[in-house]
Amino acid sequence: MTKMTSIYAGKFSVLVLGASLATSAFAQSGTTDGVAQPSSTLPAAQTTKQTDANDSSTYATGKPLAGQSKEGFWGHVNPFARKKWVNRQVDPIKDRANELDQLQSKNANDIRDVDSRATAGINKAQNSASLADQHAADARNRADHAQGLASDASNRTNALNGTVSNLDQYQTVTAAPVAFVSGRTTLGPKAKAQLDDIATKLNGEKGYIIEVQGYSRSGVQTSQAMADSVVRYLVTEHQVPVYRIYRTGLGKNTQKPTDGEKPLTNGVMVSLMHNSLATMTPTTAYAAPASSLQTTGTSNVDGNQ
C-alpha cells in the first residue's frame, strides 16, 4: 500500500510539473504575440535613423561618431576605464573639433573674400558713376559752348548781311564850307586850317568817302580848280586815299537860302559821308577757354582708354 501511494505521488508530481511548464509556455507565447505587432514599424524607424546618420552630406565634418561602450563579459558596463580606451574615445572628438576649426576658418576667409570683392565692386561702380557724371558735365559745357558759338555766328551773319546790303547807302556825317578869296583858286591859311580839322576826324575811320563840291560865280572851270586844290591838299598833306574822294565843279550855286543861311557862292563844300561799314563793330574770334579744351582732351583720352 505504501508502495502504491509513492507511485501515485510521483505521477502527480510529474503532472503538476508538466502543467506548470505548459502554463509558462502559453504565457510566453501570448506575450510574444502582443509585442510582435509594433515590432513591424520599429525597424522602419530604425532604418530611417540609420539612413540619416549614415548620410555624411547632412554634416559638415562627415558621419557622426559611433559610441563605444566598455562592457564586461556578462554585458555590464565596467565603471573603470584605462587611459588607452579613453584616448580612443577622445581622439576622434579632437579630430572633429579640428575639422570644425578649419571649416570655420575657411568660411571666415570666404566671407572676407566675398566682402572685399563686393566692396571693390561697389567702389568701381561709384567711380564709374562719378566718371560718367564728369563726362556728362563736360558734354553739357561743350554743348553750351557750341550753342554760344552758334548764336555768335548767327548774330555776326545777320550783322554782316545788313552791312553788305547797305554798303551803297551813305549818310552825311559832317559838311564844312571852305571859303576862297574872290578871284583866287588856291587855298589860304584859313582854308587849310579847316581842311586840317576835317582830316583829323578821318583817323581810324572806315567806310567813308569825302565829297568835294566847288562853287564859283566865274563858272565851272573856276569851281573845278578850287575843288582840285582841296583834293590835292588832302591827298598830299594828310594821305587821304584818292579813291575815297569824289570832286566836282558845279559853277554858280543855284541853291536857295535855308533856315536863314546863305548858300556858298565862292568856295568848296567838303562833306564827310559814312556807309554801313563805319557802324560795324569789330568782331573777334570766339576763343574756347583753356579749361574746356583741357577737359575735352581728357575726355578723349578716357574714351580711347
Protein backbone atom coordinates (compact mmCIF):
# COMPACT_ATOMS: atom_id res chain seq x y z
CA MET A 1 0.00 0.00 0.00
CA THR A 2 2.74 2.29 0.84
CA LYS A 3 4.46 1.48 -2.41
CA MET A 4 1.41 2.33 -4.45
CA THR A 5 0.99 5.61 -2.67
CA SER A 6 4.51 6.62 -3.52
CA ILE A 7 3.96 5.73 -7.18
CA TYR A 8 0.82 7.84 -7.35
CA ALA A 9 2.54 10.70 -5.62
CA GLY A 10 5.37 10.64 -8.18
CA LYS A 11 2.94 10.64 -11.10
CA PHE A 12 1.03 13.53 -9.58
CA SER A 13 4.20 15.50 -9.21
CA VAL A 14 5.02 14.92 -12.87
CA LEU A 15 1.57 16.08 -13.91
CA VAL A 16 1.81 19.21 -11.79
CA LEU A 17 5.27 19.98 -13.23
CA GLY A 18 4.03 19.47 -16.79
CA ALA A 19 1.02 21.67 -16.21
CA SER A 20 3.17 24.44 -14.83
CA LEU A 21 5.55 24.22 -17.78
CA ALA A 22 2.65 24.32 -20.22
CA THR A 23 1.16 27.34 -18.50
CA SER A 24 4.51 29.15 -18.61
CA ALA A 25 4.98 28.39 -22.30
CA PHE A 26 1.49 29.60 -23.12
CA ALA A 27 2.07 32.84 -21.26
CA GLN A 28 5.37 33.46 -23.08
CA SER A 29 3.80 32.80 -26.47
CA GLY A 30 0.99 35.31 -25.71
CA THR A 31 3.45 37.95 -24.65
CA THR A 32 5.49 37.39 -27.78
CA ASP A 33 2.40 37.78 -29.94
CA GLY A 34 1.42 41.01 -28.19
CA VAL A 35 4.81 42.61 -28.67
CA ALA A 36 5.20 41.46 -32.25
CA GLN A 37 2.66 43.95 -33.59
CA PRO A 38 4.66 47.24 -33.01
CA SER A 39 7.84 45.46 -33.99
CA SER A 40 6.74 45.70 -37.63
CA THR A 41 7.02 49.53 -37.54
CA LEU A 42 10.09 49.69 -35.35
CA PRO A 43 12.61 48.50 -37.99
CA ALA A 44 11.41 51.19 -40.44
CA ALA A 45 12.05 53.98 -37.92
CA GLN A 46 15.38 52.49 -37.00
CA THR A 47 16.22 52.20 -40.71
CA THR A 48 15.34 55.89 -41.24
CA LYS A 49 17.51 56.93 -38.31
CA GLN A 50 20.35 54.81 -39.58
CA THR A 51 19.95 56.26 -43.07
CA ASP A 52 20.11 59.83 -41.75
CA ALA A 53 23.05 59.01 -39.57
CA ASN A 54 24.91 57.40 -42.43
CA ASP A 55 24.26 60.34 -44.78
CA SER A 56 27.52 62.35 -44.48
CA SER A 57 26.17 65.17 -46.68
CA THR A 58 24.00 66.43 -43.81
CA TYR A 59 27.02 67.02 -41.57
CA ALA A 60 29.90 69.46 -42.02
CA THR A 61 32.55 67.01 -40.79
CA GLY A 62 31.20 63.69 -42.02
CA LYS A 63 29.22 60.95 -40.27
CA PRO A 64 28.50 61.21 -36.54
CA LEU A 65 30.88 59.38 -34.24
CA ALA A 66 29.81 55.94 -33.09
CA GLY A 67 29.89 55.47 -29.35
CA GLN A 68 31.96 52.59 -27.87
CA SER A 69 30.76 51.11 -24.60
CA LYS A 70 33.08 49.37 -22.17
CA GLU A 71 31.15 46.26 -21.25
CA GLY A 72 32.36 43.21 -19.49
CA PHE A 73 31.84 39.60 -20.37
CA TRP A 74 28.37 39.48 -18.87
CA GLY A 75 27.22 42.67 -20.67
CA HIS A 76 27.55 45.01 -17.71
CA VAL A 77 29.28 48.40 -18.11
CA ASN A 78 32.66 48.40 -16.48
CA PRO A 79 32.93 51.53 -14.29
CA PHE A 80 36.67 51.54 -14.63
CA ALA A 81 38.38 52.51 -18.00
CA ARG A 82 42.03 52.53 -19.00
CA LYS A 83 43.84 55.54 -20.46
CA LYS A 84 44.17 53.95 -23.88
CA TRP A 85 40.44 53.36 -24.03
CA VAL A 86 39.77 56.97 -23.04
CA ASN A 87 42.20 58.20 -25.72
CA ARG A 88 40.47 56.07 -28.31
CA GLN A 89 37.20 57.74 -27.34
CA VAL A 90 38.59 61.31 -27.21
CA ASP A 91 40.86 61.33 -30.30
CA PRO A 92 38.00 61.24 -32.86
CA ILE A 93 36.34 64.09 -31.00
CA LYS A 94 39.56 66.13 -31.20
CA ASP A 95 39.83 65.39 -34.90
CA ARG A 96 36.27 66.52 -35.47
CA ALA A 97 36.90 69.68 -33.42
CA ASN A 98 39.99 70.44 -35.52
CA GLU A 99 37.97 69.91 -38.68
CA LEU A 100 35.33 72.30 -37.38
CA ASP A 101 38.01 74.92 -36.63
CA GLN A 102 39.44 74.55 -40.13
CA LEU A 103 35.97 74.75 -41.65
CA GLN A 104 35.17 77.85 -39.60
CA SER A 105 38.46 79.47 -40.64
CA LYS A 106 37.76 78.65 -44.30
CA ASN A 107 34.25 80.09 -44.03
CA ALA A 108 35.64 83.26 -42.43
CA ASN A 109 38.19 83.62 -45.24
CA ASP A 110 35.47 83.07 -47.84
CA ILE A 111 33.28 85.69 -46.18
CA ARG A 112 36.16 88.18 -46.11
CA ASP A 113 36.94 87.44 -49.76
CA VAL A 114 33.31 87.94 -50.79
CA ASP A 115 33.12 91.13 -48.72
CA SER A 116 36.31 92.52 -50.25
CA ARG A 117 35.12 91.72 -53.77
CA ALA A 118 31.73 93.27 -53.05
CA THR A 119 33.41 96.39 -51.66
CA ALA A 120 35.70 96.58 -54.69
CA GLY A 121 32.71 96.21 -56.99
CA ILE A 122 30.82 98.97 -55.18
CA ASN A 123 33.84 101.28 -55.32
CA LYS A 124 34.29 100.56 -59.01
CA ALA A 125 30.62 101.28 -59.67
CA GLN A 126 30.85 104.53 -57.72
CA ASN A 127 33.98 105.56 -59.63
CA SER A 128 32.29 104.72 -62.92
CA ALA A 129 29.24 106.76 -61.91
CA SER A 130 31.44 109.69 -60.88
CA LEU A 131 33.34 109.49 -64.17
CA ALA A 132 30.05 109.35 -66.07
CA ASP A 133 28.88 112.46 -64.20
CA GLN A 134 32.10 114.24 -65.13
CA HIS A 135 31.68 113.27 -68.77
CA ALA A 136 28.05 114.42 -68.69
CA ALA A 137 29.07 117.77 -67.17
CA ASP A 138 31.82 118.12 -69.78
CA ALA A 139 29.33 117.31 -72.53
CA ARG A 140 26.93 119.95 -71.18
CA ASN A 141 29.73 122.53 -71.03
CA ARG A 142 30.78 121.76 -74.58
CA ALA A 143 27.13 121.88 -75.72
CA ASP A 144 26.71 125.29 -74.08
CA HIS A 145 29.97 126.41 -75.67
CA ALA A 146 28.79 125.21 -79.09
CA GLN A 147 25.45 126.94 -78.57
CA GLY A 148 27.28 130.17 -77.75
CA LEU A 149 29.39 129.82 -80.88
CA ALA A 150 26.29 129.16 -82.97
CA SER A 151 24.46 132.18 -81.52
CA ASP A 152 27.50 134.41 -82.02
CA ALA A 153 27.92 133.19 -85.59
CA SER A 154 24.23 133.82 -86.29
CA ASN A 155 24.42 137.34 -84.88
CA ARG A 156 27.55 138.15 -86.86
CA THR A 157 25.97 136.71 -90.01
CA ASN A 158 22.89 138.88 -89.59
CA ALA A 159 25.05 141.93 -88.94
CA LEU A 160 27.18 141.15 -91.98
CA ASN A 161 24.11 140.76 -94.17
CA GLY A 162 22.85 144.14 -93.02
CA THR A 163 26.26 145.70 -93.63
CA VAL A 164 26.57 144.26 -97.13
CA SER A 165 23.06 145.29 -98.09
CA ASN A 166 23.77 148.89 -97.01
CA LEU A 167 27.25 149.30 -98.49
CA ASP A 168 26.00 151.69 -101.15
CA GLN A 169 23.97 153.74 -98.70
CA TYR A 170 25.99 156.75 -97.47
CA GLN A 171 24.92 159.11 -94.75
CA THR A 172 26.32 162.63 -94.34
CA VAL A 173 28.23 162.97 -91.07
CA THR A 174 29.64 166.49 -91.37
CA ALA A 175 29.58 169.19 -94.04
CA ALA A 176 32.01 172.14 -93.78
CA PRO A 177 32.25 175.06 -96.27
CA VAL A 178 35.80 176.11 -97.22
CA ALA A 179 35.77 179.73 -98.43
CA PHE A 180 38.11 181.04 -101.11
CA VAL A 181 39.20 184.62 -101.70
CA SER A 182 37.30 186.11 -104.60
CA GLY A 183 39.18 185.67 -107.87
CA ARG A 184 41.63 183.01 -106.46
CA THR A 185 41.63 179.20 -106.74
CA THR A 186 44.40 178.45 -104.24
CA LEU A 187 43.97 177.68 -100.55
CA GLY A 188 44.56 180.34 -97.94
CA PRO A 189 45.66 179.78 -94.32
CA LYS A 190 42.11 179.73 -93.03
CA ALA A 191 41.03 177.22 -95.67
CA LYS A 192 43.99 174.94 -94.86
CA ALA A 193 43.12 175.06 -91.14
CA GLN A 194 39.59 173.95 -91.94
CA LEU A 195 40.88 171.05 -94.05
CA ASP A 196 43.31 170.04 -91.28
CA ASP A 197 40.40 169.86 -88.85
CA ILE A 198 38.44 167.68 -91.26
CA ALA A 199 41.42 165.36 -91.86
CA THR A 200 41.92 164.73 -88.12
CA LYS A 201 38.42 163.26 -87.96
CA LEU A 202 39.37 160.62 -90.51
CA ASN A 203 41.83 158.79 -88.22
CA GLY A 204 40.60 155.22 -87.69
CA GLU A 205 37.55 155.72 -89.86
CA LYS A 206 36.37 153.17 -92.39
CA GLY A 207 33.57 153.03 -94.89
CA TYR A 208 33.75 156.73 -95.59
CA ILE A 209 34.02 158.99 -98.63
CA ILE A 210 34.70 162.71 -98.98
CA GLU A 211 32.50 164.68 -101.29
CA VAL A 212 34.09 167.89 -102.64
CA GLN A 213 31.78 170.31 -104.50
CA GLY A 214 33.18 173.60 -105.88
CA TYR A 215 31.03 176.71 -106.43
CA SER A 216 32.07 179.95 -108.18
CA ARG A 217 30.33 182.85 -109.85
CA SER A 218 33.04 182.71 -112.53
CA GLY A 219 31.78 179.40 -113.84
CA VAL A 220 32.51 175.70 -113.83
CA GLN A 221 36.24 175.84 -114.57
CA THR A 222 36.94 178.10 -111.62
CA SER A 223 34.84 175.95 -109.29
CA GLN A 224 36.64 172.83 -110.62
CA ALA A 225 40.03 174.44 -109.96
CA MET A 226 39.04 175.22 -106.35
CA ALA A 227 37.85 171.65 -105.84
CA ASP A 228 41.13 170.33 -107.25
CA SER A 229 43.07 172.47 -104.76
CA VAL A 230 41.14 170.90 -101.85
CA VAL A 231 41.68 167.35 -103.13
CA ARG A 232 45.36 167.98 -103.73
CA TYR A 233 45.86 169.27 -100.19
CA LEU A 234 44.07 166.32 -98.55
CA VAL A 235 46.00 163.76 -100.59
CA THR A 236 49.46 165.29 -100.25
CA GLU A 237 49.28 166.64 -96.71
CA HIS A 238 47.08 164.07 -94.96
CA GLN A 239 47.47 160.98 -97.17
CA VAL A 240 43.77 160.58 -97.76
CA PRO A 241 43.27 157.86 -100.43
CA VAL A 242 42.22 159.32 -103.78
CA TYR A 243 39.56 156.63 -104.29
CA ARG A 244 37.71 157.98 -101.24
CA ILE A 245 37.39 161.49 -102.67
CA TYR A 246 34.70 162.49 -105.15
CA ARG A 247 35.06 166.02 -106.51
CA THR A 248 33.15 168.10 -108.98
CA GLY A 249 32.89 171.75 -110.06
CA LEU A 250 29.30 172.96 -110.26
CA GLY A 251 29.91 176.61 -111.22
CA LYS A 252 27.39 179.05 -109.86
CA ASN A 253 25.46 177.88 -106.80
CA THR A 254 21.76 177.91 -107.56
CA GLN A 255 20.58 176.73 -104.13
CA LYS A 256 18.21 178.97 -102.22
CA PRO A 257 18.85 180.09 -98.64
CA THR A 258 17.54 177.66 -95.97
CA ASP A 259 16.96 178.46 -92.28
CA GLY A 260 18.36 181.96 -92.74
CA GLU A 261 21.74 180.66 -94.03
CA LYS A 262 23.11 182.00 -97.29
CA PRO A 263 24.32 179.43 -99.82
CA LEU A 264 28.06 179.15 -100.56
CA THR A 265 28.80 181.32 -103.59
CA ASN A 266 32.63 181.20 -103.85
CA GLY A 267 34.25 178.19 -102.24
CA VAL A 268 34.15 174.40 -101.76
CA MET A 269 31.71 172.34 -99.67
CA VAL A 270 33.57 169.37 -98.09
CA SER A 271 31.20 166.64 -96.82
CA LEU A 272 32.23 163.52 -94.83
CA MET A 273 29.91 160.58 -95.52
CA HIS A 274 29.72 157.07 -93.99
CA ASN A 275 28.18 153.81 -95.11
CA SER A 276 27.26 150.71 -93.01
CA LEU A 277 30.92 149.66 -92.58
CA ALA A 278 31.52 152.66 -90.34
CA THR A 279 28.93 151.41 -87.81
CA MET A 280 30.09 147.79 -87.91
CA THR A 281 31.69 146.77 -84.61
CA PRO A 282 34.95 144.84 -84.80
CA THR A 283 34.40 141.13 -84.33
CA THR A 284 36.82 138.86 -82.56
CA ALA A 285 37.06 135.13 -82.75
CA TYR A 286 35.17 133.36 -80.04
CA ALA A 287 38.09 131.61 -78.42
CA ALA A 288 37.38 128.48 -76.40
CA PRO A 289 38.50 128.60 -72.76
CA ALA A 290 41.61 126.62 -71.94
CA SER A 291 39.75 124.66 -69.27
CA SER A 292 37.19 123.49 -71.83
CA LEU A 293 39.92 122.39 -74.22
CA GLN A 294 41.73 120.52 -71.46
CA THR A 295 38.51 118.83 -70.37
CA THR A 296 37.81 117.80 -73.93
CA GLY A 297 41.30 116.36 -74.28
CA THR A 298 40.84 114.41 -71.04
CA SER A 299 37.54 113.04 -72.22
CA ASN A 300 39.11 111.89 -75.48
CA VAL A 301 41.88 110.14 -73.62
CA ASP A 302 39.39 108.41 -71.33
CA GLY A 303 37.32 107.39 -74.32
CA ASN A 304 40.36 105.94 -76.08
CA GLN A 305 41.24 104.01 -73.00
